[in-house]
């Protein structure tokens, strides 16, 4: 839905009516912190205007349709209290991207208050996996290592490493489905892996999987970025039964297996092999059951 043309709202209303839509899951957005420095208006258009257009369409067609939408761990901005909890303040943004996602949550509150819409925001933490965004580190590092290009590892001003709560896409999907089924009146949940990892570990695991050494150069942390993301998922565990299952090592192996097949790249046998049980565990995960009250 990003970049909706004039009249996009009318098209949405038609789809909602004719499709007899019962649930809305809104994941479309202009994502990424660094690109928001270059194209700020694209973020306002895609993440704010289009979000409001969707809410208006649901309001006019059927206010009872529950909406689950993508927020982001970026809303925590300059918060230094870890792990990040939904109870923490989010009024110190570090990037325009984070600010647009914070505005989604504020706007959701308004539409629930004024019109009774059911809205659940999901704060995603560094999602990765097959068919992911090529601008994400795990994806671009893979491409650069294979091509022999240097990769840039950003560091904090004191030289310490950035930490990211890498969350595999199947865990995220399970959380999305559970949140949509819950259809809460107004909620926000963290969906993360509960285990921040240094970016250097990501690089080491990719090197092992690709069978090649990376040409790593270090650079200061870029504007708008943050030193660490770390999700407290207690709230999601309690109401959604959310329990992330996939470790960074498992997830990267699965990603490389897909990458090798999709791009027809030969990788060492160890890069694409899974223990039978571990591989099976990544399949057919459509959601978590809600815990009994």
C-alpha atoms as a PDB file:
ATOM      1  CA  UNK A   1       0.000   0.000   0.000  1.00  0.00           C
ATOM      2  CA  UNK A   2       2.936   2.500   0.155  1.00  0.00           C
ATOM      3  CA  UNK A   3       2.585   5.330  -2.348  1.00  0.00           C
ATOM      4  CA  UNK A   4      -1.169   4.966  -2.616  1.00  0.00           C
ATOM      5  CA  UNK A   5      -2.523   6.980  -5.565  1.00  0.00           C
ATOM      6  CA  UNK A   6      -5.355   9.492  -5.171  1.00  0.00           C
ATOM      7  CA  UNK A   7      -8.485   7.491  -4.569  1.00  0.00           C
ATOM      8  CA  UNK A   8      -6.527   4.645  -2.961  1.00  0.00           C
ATOM      9  CA  UNK A   9      -8.905   4.797  -0.037  1.00  0.00           C
ATOM     10  CA  UNK A  10     -11.862   4.032  -2.292  1.00  0.00           C
ATOM     11  CA  UNK A  11     -10.044   1.017  -3.702  1.00  0.00           C
ATOM     12  CA  UNK A  12      -9.421  -0.230  -0.174  1.00  0.00           C
ATOM     13  CA  UNK A  13     -13.080   0.172   0.706  1.00  0.00           C
ATOM     14  CA  UNK A  14     -14.054  -1.830  -2.366  1.00  0.00           C
ATOM     15  CA  UNK A  15     -11.628  -4.607  -1.419  1.00  0.00           C
ATOM     16  CA  UNK A  16     -12.860  -4.660   2.171  1.00  0.00           C
ATOM     17  CA  UNK A  17     -16.499  -4.887   1.075  1.00  0.00           C
ATOM     18  CA  UNK A  18     -16.260  -7.238  -1.878  1.00  0.00           C
ATOM     19  CA  UNK A  19     -13.651  -9.453  -0.237  1.00  0.00           C
ATOM     20  CA  UNK A  20     -15.717  -9.744   2.941  1.00  0.00           C
ATOM     21  CA  UNK A  21     -12.547  -9.114   4.900  1.00  0.00           C
ATOM     22  CA  UNK A  22     -12.620 -10.308   8.505  1.00  0.00           C
ATOM     23  CA  UNK A  23      -9.083  -9.331   9.615  1.00  0.00           C
ATOM     24  CA  UNK A  24      -6.551  -6.775   8.369  1.00  0.00           C
ATOM     25  CA  UNK A  25      -2.786  -7.317   8.725  1.00  0.00           C
ATOM     26  CA  UNK A  26      -0.996  -4.161   7.635  1.00  0.00           C
ATOM     27  CA  UNK A  27       2.729  -4.716   7.042  1.00  0.00           C
ATOM     28  CA  UNK A  28       3.376  -2.350   4.149  1.00  0.00           C
ATOM     29  CA  UNK A  29       5.805   0.466   4.962  1.00  0.00           C
ATOM     30  CA  UNK A  30       8.913   2.319   3.938  1.00  0.00           C
ATOM     31  CA  UNK A  31      11.416   0.594   6.206  1.00  0.00           C
ATOM     32  CA  UNK A  32      14.976   1.271   7.296  1.00  0.00           C
ATOM     33  CA  UNK A  33      16.673   3.901   9.429  1.00  0.00           C
ATOM     34  CA  UNK A  34      19.476   5.062   7.131  1.00  0.00           C
ATOM     35  CA  UNK A  35      17.342   5.591   4.024  1.00  0.00           C
ATOM     36  CA  UNK A  36      15.001   7.845   6.023  1.00  0.00           C
ATOM     37  CA  UNK A  37      17.851  10.367   6.150  1.00  0.00           C
ATOM     38  CA  UNK A  38      17.799  10.572   2.355  1.00  0.00           C
ATOM     39  CA  UNK A  39      14.087  10.360   1.566  1.00  0.00           C
ATOM     40  CA  UNK A  40      12.174  11.670   4.596  1.00  0.00           C
ATOM     41  CA  UNK A  41       8.997  12.544   2.704  1.00  0.00           C
ATOM     42  CA  UNK A  42       8.759   8.991   1.356  1.00  0.00           C
ATOM     43  CA  UNK A  43       8.516   7.794   4.959  1.00  0.00           C
ATOM     44  CA  UNK A  44       5.834  10.299   5.883  1.00  0.00           C
ATOM     45  CA  UNK A  45       3.831   9.346   2.778  1.00  0.00           C
ATOM     46  CA  UNK A  46       4.105   5.565   3.153  1.00  0.00           C
ATOM     47  CA  UNK A  47       4.098   5.197   6.914  1.00  0.00           C
ATOM     48  CA  UNK A  48       1.751   7.953   8.047  1.00  0.00           C
ATOM     49  CA  UNK A  49      -0.565   9.041   5.229  1.00  0.00           C
ATOM     50  CA  UNK A  50      -1.158   5.527   3.937  1.00  0.00           C
ATOM     51  CA  UNK A  51      -1.729   4.213   7.452  1.00  0.00           C
ATOM     52  CA  UNK A  52      -4.428   6.806   8.071  1.00  0.00           C
ATOM     53  CA  UNK A  53      -5.981   6.031   4.673  1.00  0.00           C
ATOM     54  CA  UNK A  54      -6.272   2.384   5.702  1.00  0.00           C
ATOM     55  CA  UNK A  55      -7.829   3.253   9.063  1.00  0.00           C
ATOM     56  CA  UNK A  56     -10.336   5.534   7.373  1.00  0.00           C
ATOM     57  CA  UNK A  57     -11.317   2.744   4.977  1.00  0.00           C
ATOM     58  CA  UNK A  58     -11.875   0.240   7.788  1.00  0.00           C
ATOM     59  CA  UNK A  59     -13.790   2.856   9.788  1.00  0.00           C
ATOM     60  CA  UNK A  60     -16.140   3.512   6.869  1.00  0.00           C
ATOM     61  CA  UNK A  61     -16.699  -0.141   5.915  1.00  0.00           C
ATOM     62  CA  UNK A  62     -16.718  -2.145   9.148  1.00  0.00           C
ATOM     63  CA  UNK A  63     -15.386  -0.854  12.455  1.00  0.00           C
ATOM     64  CA  UNK A  64     -15.356  -4.336  13.954  1.00  0.00           C
ATOM     65  CA  UNK A  65     -12.558  -5.602  11.667  1.00  0.00           C
ATOM     66  CA  UNK A  66      -9.441  -6.059  13.847  1.00  0.00           C
ATOM     67  CA  UNK A  67      -6.272  -4.468  12.459  1.00  0.00           C
ATOM     68  CA  UNK A  68      -2.805  -5.782  13.230  1.00  0.00           C
ATOM     69  CA  UNK A  69      -0.076  -3.446  11.999  1.00  0.00           C
ATOM     70  CA  UNK A  70       3.701  -3.320  11.888  1.00  0.00           C
ATOM     71  CA  UNK A  71       5.420  -1.018  14.317  1.00  0.00           C
ATOM     72  CA  UNK A  72       9.155  -1.318  15.001  1.00  0.00           C
ATOM     73  CA  UNK A  73      11.778  -1.628  17.706  1.00  0.00           C
ATOM     74  CA  UNK A  74      12.985   1.717  16.335  1.00  0.00           C
ATOM     75  CA  UNK A  75      10.268   3.442  18.403  1.00  0.00           C
ATOM     76  CA  UNK A  76      12.494   2.938  21.477  1.00  0.00           C
ATOM     77  CA  UNK A  77      14.932   5.438  19.975  1.00  0.00           C
ATOM     78  CA  UNK A  78      17.447   6.715  22.521  1.00  0.00           C
ATOM     79  CA  UNK A  79      16.087   4.584  25.355  1.00  0.00           C
ATOM     80  CA  UNK A  80      18.978   2.970  27.252  1.00  0.00           C
ATOM     81  CA  UNK A  81      16.977   0.818  29.661  1.00  0.00           C
ATOM     82  CA  UNK A  82      17.154  -2.825  28.568  1.00  0.00           C
ATOM     83  CA  UNK A  83      15.493  -5.075  27.757  1.00  0.00           C
ATOM     84  CA  UNK A  84      13.054  -2.806  25.920  1.00  0.00           C
ATOM     85  CA  UNK A  85       9.579  -3.084  27.415  1.00  0.00           C
ATOM     86  CA  UNK A  86       6.227  -1.841  26.141  1.00  0.00           C
ATOM     87  CA  UNK A  87       6.058   0.047  29.466  1.00  0.00           C
ATOM     88  CA  UNK A  88       9.060   2.208  28.553  1.00  0.00           C
ATOM     89  CA  UNK A  89       8.684   5.754  27.245  1.00  0.00           C
ATOM     90  CA  UNK A  90       9.101   6.187  23.502  1.00  0.00           C
ATOM     91  CA  UNK A  91       9.296   9.966  23.256  1.00  0.00           C
ATOM     92  CA  UNK A  92      13.034  10.211  22.446  1.00  0.00           C
ATOM     93  CA  UNK A  93      13.252   9.198  18.809  1.00  0.00           C
ATOM     94  CA  UNK A  94      16.610   8.682  17.092  1.00  0.00           C
ATOM     95  CA  UNK A  95      15.365   8.512  13.491  1.00  0.00           C
ATOM     96  CA  UNK A  96      12.551   9.721  11.281  1.00  0.00           C
ATOM     97  CA  UNK A  97      11.656   6.096  10.594  1.00  0.00           C
ATOM     98  CA  UNK A  98      11.179   5.499  14.319  1.00  0.00           C
ATOM     99  CA  UNK A  99       9.151   8.696  14.575  1.00  0.00           C
ATOM    100  CA  UNK A 100       6.771   7.567  11.825  1.00  0.00           C
ATOM    101  CA  UNK A 101       6.246   4.241  13.585  1.00  0.00           C
ATOM    102  CA  UNK A 102       5.659   6.004  16.888  1.00  0.00           C
ATOM    103  CA  UNK A 103       3.087   8.166  15.117  1.00  0.00           C
ATOM    104  CA  UNK A 104       1.330   4.986  13.917  1.00  0.00           C
ATOM    105  CA  UNK A 105       0.897   3.913  17.517  1.00  0.00           C
ATOM    106  CA  UNK A 106      -0.396   7.345  18.544  1.00  0.00           C
ATOM    107  CA  UNK A 107      -2.780   7.477  15.601  1.00  0.00           C
ATOM    108  CA  UNK A 108      -4.010   3.969  16.439  1.00  0.00           C
ATOM    109  CA  UNK A 109      -4.861   5.199  19.925  1.00  0.00           C
ATOM    110  CA  UNK A 110      -6.844   8.091  18.457  1.00  0.00           C
ATOM    111  CA  UNK A 111      -8.849   5.884  16.064  1.00  0.00           C
ATOM    112  CA  UNK A 112      -9.625   3.450  18.873  1.00  0.00           C
ATOM    113  CA  UNK A 113     -10.718   6.294  21.127  1.00  0.00           C
ATOM    114  CA  UNK A 114     -12.812   8.119  18.515  1.00  0.00           C
ATOM    115  CA  UNK A 115     -14.154   5.262  16.414  1.00  0.00           C
ATOM    116  CA  UNK A 116     -13.718   2.083  18.431  1.00  0.00           C
ATOM    117  CA  UNK A 117     -11.341   0.426  15.970  1.00  0.00           C
ATOM    118  CA  UNK A 118      -9.477  -2.643  17.195  1.00  0.00           C
ATOM    119  CA  UNK A 119      -5.751  -2.050  16.674  1.00  0.00           C
ATOM    120  CA  UNK A 120      -2.673  -4.049  17.628  1.00  0.00           C
ATOM    121  CA  UNK A 121       0.824  -2.739  16.909  1.00  0.00           C
ATOM    122  CA  UNK A 122       3.754  -5.160  16.697  1.00  0.00           C
ATOM    123  CA  UNK A 123       7.228  -3.863  17.415  1.00  0.00           C
ATOM    124  CA  UNK A 124       9.456  -6.051  15.247  1.00  0.00           C
ATOM    125  CA  UNK A 125      13.085  -6.590  16.262  1.00  0.00           C
ATOM    126  CA  UNK A 126      15.605  -7.009  13.392  1.00  0.00           C
ATOM    127  CA  UNK A 127      13.641  -9.513  11.322  1.00  0.00           C
ATOM    128  CA  UNK A 128      15.659 -11.734   8.963  1.00  0.00           C
ATOM    129  CA  UNK A 129      15.165 -14.774   6.766  1.00  0.00           C
ATOM    130  CA  UNK A 130      14.395 -15.905   3.196  1.00  0.00           C
ATOM    131  CA  UNK A 131      12.946 -13.309   0.809  1.00  0.00           C
ATOM    132  CA  UNK A 132      14.060 -10.565   3.161  1.00  0.00           C
ATOM    133  CA  UNK A 133      15.140  -7.013   2.434  1.00  0.00           C
ATOM    134  CA  UNK A 134      18.417  -6.849   0.477  1.00  0.00           C
ATOM    135  CA  UNK A 135      19.450  -3.723   2.412  1.00  0.00           C
ATOM    136  CA  UNK A 136      19.494  -5.603   5.731  1.00  0.00           C
ATOM    137  CA  UNK A 137      22.964  -6.484   7.032  1.00  0.00           C
ATOM    138  CA  UNK A 138      22.596 -10.273   6.905  1.00  0.00           C
ATOM    139  CA  UNK A 139      21.466 -10.108   3.257  1.00  0.00           C
ATOM    140  CA  UNK A 140      23.899  -7.474   1.970  1.00  0.00           C
ATOM    141  CA  UNK A 141      26.807  -9.050   3.892  1.00  0.00           C
ATOM    142  CA  UNK A 142      26.057 -12.379   2.191  1.00  0.00           C
ATOM    143  CA  UNK A 143      26.113 -10.759  -1.244  1.00  0.00           C
ATOM    144  CA  UNK A 144      29.296  -8.803  -0.530  1.00  0.00           C
ATOM    145  CA  UNK A 145      31.209 -11.730   0.976  1.00  0.00           C
ATOM    146  CA  UNK A 146      30.396 -13.881  -2.048  1.00  0.00           C
ATOM    147  CA  UNK A 147      31.461 -11.136  -4.463  1.00  0.00           C
ATOM    148  CA  UNK A 148      34.638 -10.272  -2.546  1.00  0.00           C
ATOM    149  CA  UNK A 149      33.495  -6.753  -1.682  1.00  0.00           C
ATOM    150  CA  UNK A 150      34.313  -5.197   1.679  1.00  0.00           C
ATOM    151  CA  UNK A 151      31.555  -5.037   4.287  1.00  0.00           C
ATOM    152  CA  UNK A 152      31.167  -2.255   6.821  1.00  0.00           C
ATOM    153  CA  UNK A 153      30.698  -3.122  10.471  1.00  0.00           C
ATOM    154  CA  UNK A 154      29.486  -0.087  12.398  1.00  0.00           C
ATOM    155  CA  UNK A 155      30.759   0.457  15.925  1.00  0.00           C
ATOM    156  CA  UNK A 156      29.862   2.708  18.832  1.00  0.00           C
ATOM    157  CA  UNK A 157      32.050   5.818  19.390  1.00  0.00           C
ATOM    158  CA  UNK A 158      33.998   3.961  22.108  1.00  0.00           C
ATOM    159  CA  UNK A 159      34.722   1.085  19.712  1.00  0.00           C
ATOM    160  CA  UNK A 160      32.291  -1.376  21.289  1.00  0.00           C
ATOM    161  CA  UNK A 161      30.080  -3.483  19.069  1.00  0.00           C
ATOM    162  CA  UNK A 162      26.481  -2.875  18.064  1.00  0.00           C
ATOM    163  CA  UNK A 163      24.064  -5.485  19.422  1.00  0.00           C
ATOM    164  CA  UNK A 164      20.927  -6.638  17.622  1.00  0.00           C
ATOM    165  CA  UNK A 165      18.047  -8.861  18.717  1.00  0.00           C
ATOM    166  CA  UNK A 166      17.913 -10.848  15.460  1.00  0.00           C
ATOM    167  CA  UNK A 167      14.482 -12.471  15.081  1.00  0.00           C
ATOM    168  CA  UNK A 168      13.779 -15.141  12.484  1.00  0.00           C
ATOM    169  CA  UNK A 169      10.817 -14.569  10.211  1.00  0.00           C
ATOM    170  CA  UNK A 170       8.907 -17.722  11.233  1.00  0.00           C
ATOM    171  CA  UNK A 171       8.840 -16.507  14.845  1.00  0.00           C
ATOM    172  CA  UNK A 172       7.569 -13.143  13.657  1.00  0.00           C
ATOM    173  CA  UNK A 173       4.852 -14.760  11.509  1.00  0.00           C
ATOM    174  CA  UNK A 174       3.676 -16.840  14.460  1.00  0.00           C
ATOM    175  CA  UNK A 175       3.404 -13.682  16.553  1.00  0.00           C
ATOM    176  CA  UNK A 176       1.494 -11.836  13.833  1.00  0.00           C
ATOM    177  CA  UNK A 177      -1.039 -14.648  13.453  1.00  0.00           C
ATOM    178  CA  UNK A 178      -1.505 -14.924  17.219  1.00  0.00           C
ATOM    179  CA  UNK A 179      -2.032 -11.155  17.545  1.00  0.00           C
ATOM    180  CA  UNK A 180      -4.534 -11.111  14.692  1.00  0.00           C
ATOM    181  CA  UNK A 181      -6.482 -13.963  16.282  1.00  0.00           C
ATOM    182  CA  UNK A 182      -6.478 -12.240  19.660  1.00  0.00           C
ATOM    183  CA  UNK A 183      -8.067  -9.131  18.071  1.00  0.00           C
ATOM    184  CA  UNK A 184      -7.473  -7.009  21.177  1.00  0.00           C
ATOM    185  CA  UNK A 185      -9.242  -3.644  21.432  1.00  0.00           C
ATOM    186  CA  UNK A 186      -5.933  -1.730  21.647  1.00  0.00           C
ATOM    187  CA  UNK A 187      -2.535  -3.319  22.177  1.00  0.00           C
ATOM    188  CA  UNK A 188       1.193  -3.116  21.464  1.00  0.00           C
ATOM    189  CA  UNK A 189       3.564  -6.086  21.624  1.00  0.00           C
ATOM    190  CA  UNK A 190       7.304  -6.589  21.270  1.00  0.00           C
ATOM    191  CA  UNK A 191       8.197  -9.443  18.924  1.00  0.00           C
ATOM    192  CA  UNK A 192      11.878 -10.243  19.327  1.00  0.00           C
ATOM    193  CA  UNK A 193      14.249 -13.102  20.091  1.00  0.00           C
ATOM    194  CA  UNK A 194      15.190 -12.017  23.656  1.00  0.00           C
ATOM    195  CA  UNK A 195      18.887 -12.409  22.854  1.00  0.00           C
ATOM    196  CA  UNK A 196      20.907  -9.482  21.486  1.00  0.00           C
ATOM    197  CA  UNK A 197      23.932 -10.633  19.497  1.00  0.00           C
ATOM    198  CA  UNK A 198      27.002  -8.629  18.425  1.00  0.00           C
ATOM    199  CA  UNK A 199      27.138  -7.931  14.697  1.00  0.00           C
ATOM    200  CA  UNK A 200      30.538  -9.644  14.641  1.00  0.00           C
ATOM    201  CA  UNK A 201      28.797 -12.947  15.482  1.00  0.00           C
ATOM    202  CA  UNK A 202      26.500 -12.455  12.498  1.00  0.00           C
ATOM    203  CA  UNK A 203      29.595 -12.013  10.318  1.00  0.00           C
ATOM    204  CA  UNK A 204      31.326 -15.064  11.807  1.00  0.00           C
ATOM    205  CA  UNK A 205      28.293 -17.278  11.188  1.00  0.00           C
ATOM    206  CA  UNK A 206      27.997 -16.040   7.605  1.00  0.00           C
ATOM    207  CA  UNK A 207      31.693 -16.717   7.000  1.00  0.00           C
ATOM    208  CA  UNK A 208      31.247 -20.271   8.283  1.00  0.00           C
ATOM    209  CA  UNK A 209      28.165 -20.835   6.181  1.00  0.00           C
ATOM    210  CA  UNK A 210      29.618 -19.357   3.007  1.00  0.00           C
ATOM    211  CA  UNK A 211      33.044 -20.920   3.425  1.00  0.00           C
ATOM    212  CA  UNK A 212      34.714 -17.552   2.839  1.00  0.00           C
ATOM    213  CA  UNK A 213      36.331 -14.866   4.949  1.00  0.00           C
ATOM    214  CA  UNK A 214      34.781 -11.431   4.967  1.00  0.00           C
ATOM    215  CA  UNK A 215      36.781  -8.297   4.223  1.00  0.00           C
ATOM    216  CA  UNK A 216      35.584  -6.241   7.176  1.00  0.00           C
ATOM    217  CA  UNK A 217      36.139  -2.546   7.647  1.00  0.00           C
ATOM    218  CA  UNK A 218      34.856  -0.693  10.682  1.00  0.00           C
ATOM    219  CA  UNK A 219      33.122   2.670  10.758  1.00  0.00           C
ATOM    220  CA  UNK A 220      31.419   4.862  13.390  1.00  0.00           C
ATOM    221  CA  UNK A 221      27.749   4.232  14.038  1.00  0.00           C
ATOM    222  CA  UNK A 222      25.626   6.092  11.506  1.00  0.00           C
ATOM    223  CA  UNK A 223      23.198   8.890  12.324  1.00  0.00           C
ATOM    224  CA  UNK A 224      19.821   7.633  13.505  1.00  0.00           C
ATOM    225  CA  UNK A 225      21.120   4.205  14.499  1.00  0.00           C
ATOM    226  CA  UNK A 226      21.200   2.859  18.078  1.00  0.00           C
ATOM    227  CA  UNK A 227      23.781   0.780  19.998  1.00  0.00           C
ATOM    228  CA  UNK A 228      21.465  -2.066  20.990  1.00  0.00           C
ATOM    229  CA  UNK A 229      18.037  -3.600  20.472  1.00  0.00           C
ATOM    230  CA  UNK A 230      16.819  -6.074  23.075  1.00  0.00           C
ATOM    231  CA  UNK A 231      13.211  -7.203  23.366  1.00  0.00           C
ATOM    232  CA  UNK A 232      11.349  -7.993  26.553  1.00  0.00           C
ATOM    233  CA  UNK A 233       8.616 -10.301  25.204  1.00  0.00           C
ATOM    234  CA  UNK A 234       6.893 -11.013  28.536  1.00  0.00           C
ATOM    235  CA  UNK A 235       3.715  -9.237  27.432  1.00  0.00           C
ATOM    236  CA  UNK A 236       3.531 -11.171  24.149  1.00  0.00           C
ATOM    237  CA  UNK A 237       4.290 -14.429  25.956  1.00  0.00           C
ATOM    238  CA  UNK A 238       1.458 -13.818  28.412  1.00  0.00           C
ATOM    239  CA  UNK A 239      -1.287 -12.813  25.954  1.00  0.00           C
ATOM    240  CA  UNK A 240      -0.139 -14.481  22.730  1.00  0.00           C
ATOM    241  CA  UNK A 241       1.829 -17.459  23.990  1.00  0.00           C
ATOM    242  CA  UNK A 242       4.739 -16.044  22.006  1.00  0.00           C
ATOM    243  CA  UNK A 243       7.958 -18.022  22.432  1.00  0.00           C
ATOM    244  CA  UNK A 244      10.674 -17.471  19.802  1.00  0.00           C
ATOM    245  CA  UNK A 245      12.123 -20.796  18.684  1.00  0.00           C
ATOM    246  CA  UNK A 246      14.878 -20.105  16.141  1.00  0.00           C
ATOM    247  CA  UNK A 247      18.439 -19.225  17.118  1.00  0.00           C
ATOM    248  CA  UNK A 248      20.580 -16.940  14.976  1.00  0.00           C
ATOM    249  CA  UNK A 249      22.699 -19.914  13.896  1.00  0.00           C
ATOM    250  CA  UNK A 250      19.641 -21.946  12.838  1.00  0.00           C
ATOM    251  CA  UNK A 251      18.043 -18.997  11.100  1.00  0.00           C
ATOM    252  CA  UNK A 252      21.135 -18.088   9.090  1.00  0.00           C
ATOM    253  CA  UNK A 253      21.569 -21.683   7.981  1.00  0.00           C
ATOM    254  CA  UNK A 254      17.990 -21.689   6.733  1.00  0.00           C
ATOM    255  CA  UNK A 255      18.505 -18.335   5.024  1.00  0.00           C
ATOM    256  CA  UNK A 256      21.668 -19.545   3.271  1.00  0.00           C
ATOM    257  CA  UNK A 257      19.886 -22.693   2.144  1.00  0.00           C
ATOM    258  CA  UNK A 258      17.228 -20.511   0.514  1.00  0.00           C
ATOM    259  CA  UNK A 259      19.821 -18.061  -0.865  1.00  0.00           C
ATOM    260  CA  UNK A 260      21.817 -20.818  -2.539  1.00  0.00           C
ATOM    261  CA  UNK A 261      18.691 -22.192  -4.208  1.00  0.00           C
ATOM    262  CA  UNK A 262      17.177 -18.836  -5.187  1.00  0.00           C
ATOM    263  CA  UNK A 263      20.374 -17.363  -6.658  1.00  0.00           C
ATOM    264  CA  UNK A 264      21.806 -20.679  -7.875  1.00  0.00           C
ATOM    265  CA  UNK A 265      24.938 -20.300  -5.758  1.00  0.00           C
ATOM    266  CA  UNK A 266      27.068 -23.253  -4.708  1.00  0.00           C
ATOM    267  CA  UNK A 267      27.854 -23.258  -0.998  1.00  0.00           C
ATOM    268  CA  UNK A 268      29.830 -25.704   1.139  1.00  0.00           C
ATOM    269  CA  UNK A 269      27.794 -28.722   2.214  1.00  0.00           C
ATOM    270  CA  UNK A 270      27.860 -27.650   5.847  1.00  0.00           C
ATOM    271  CA  UNK A 271      26.249 -24.326   4.959  1.00  0.00           C
ATOM    272  CA  UNK A 272      22.972 -25.786   3.775  1.00  0.00           C
ATOM    273  CA  UNK A 273      22.695 -28.889   5.923  1.00  0.00           C
ATOM    274  CA  UNK A 274      20.308 -29.126   8.850  1.00  0.00           C
ATOM    275  CA  UNK A 275      19.798 -31.748  11.433  1.00  0.00           C
ATOM    276  CA  UNK A 276      16.493 -33.352  10.546  1.00  0.00           C
ATOM    277  CA  UNK A 277      14.779 -32.222  13.695  1.00  0.00           C
ATOM    278  CA  UNK A 278      16.080 -28.645  13.458  1.00  0.00           C
ATOM    279  CA  UNK A 279      14.962 -28.222   9.854  1.00  0.00           C
ATOM    280  CA  UNK A 280      11.550 -29.666  10.527  1.00  0.00           C
ATOM    281  CA  UNK A 281      11.134 -27.259  13.404  1.00  0.00           C
ATOM    282  CA  UNK A 282      11.247 -24.315  10.982  1.00  0.00           C
ATOM    283  CA  UNK A 283       8.339 -25.582   8.911  1.00  0.00           C
ATOM    284  CA  UNK A 284       4.579 -25.265   9.229  1.00  0.00           C
ATOM    285  CA  UNK A 285       4.657 -22.770  12.094  1.00  0.00           C
ATOM    286  CA  UNK A 286       1.444 -20.824  11.558  1.00  0.00           C
ATOM    287  CA  UNK A 287       0.881 -19.460  15.045  1.00  0.00           C
ATOM    288  CA  UNK A 288       0.873 -19.920  18.784  1.00  0.00           C
ATOM    289  CA  UNK A 289      -2.130 -20.877  20.828  1.00  0.00           C
ATOM    290  CA  UNK A 290      -3.309 -18.307  23.282  1.00  0.00           C
ATOM    291  CA  UNK A 291      -2.731 -19.340  26.845  1.00  0.00           C
ATOM    292  CA  UNK A 292      -5.776 -20.269  28.861  1.00  0.00           C
ATOM    293  CA  UNK A 293      -6.899 -17.601  31.289  1.00  0.00           C
END
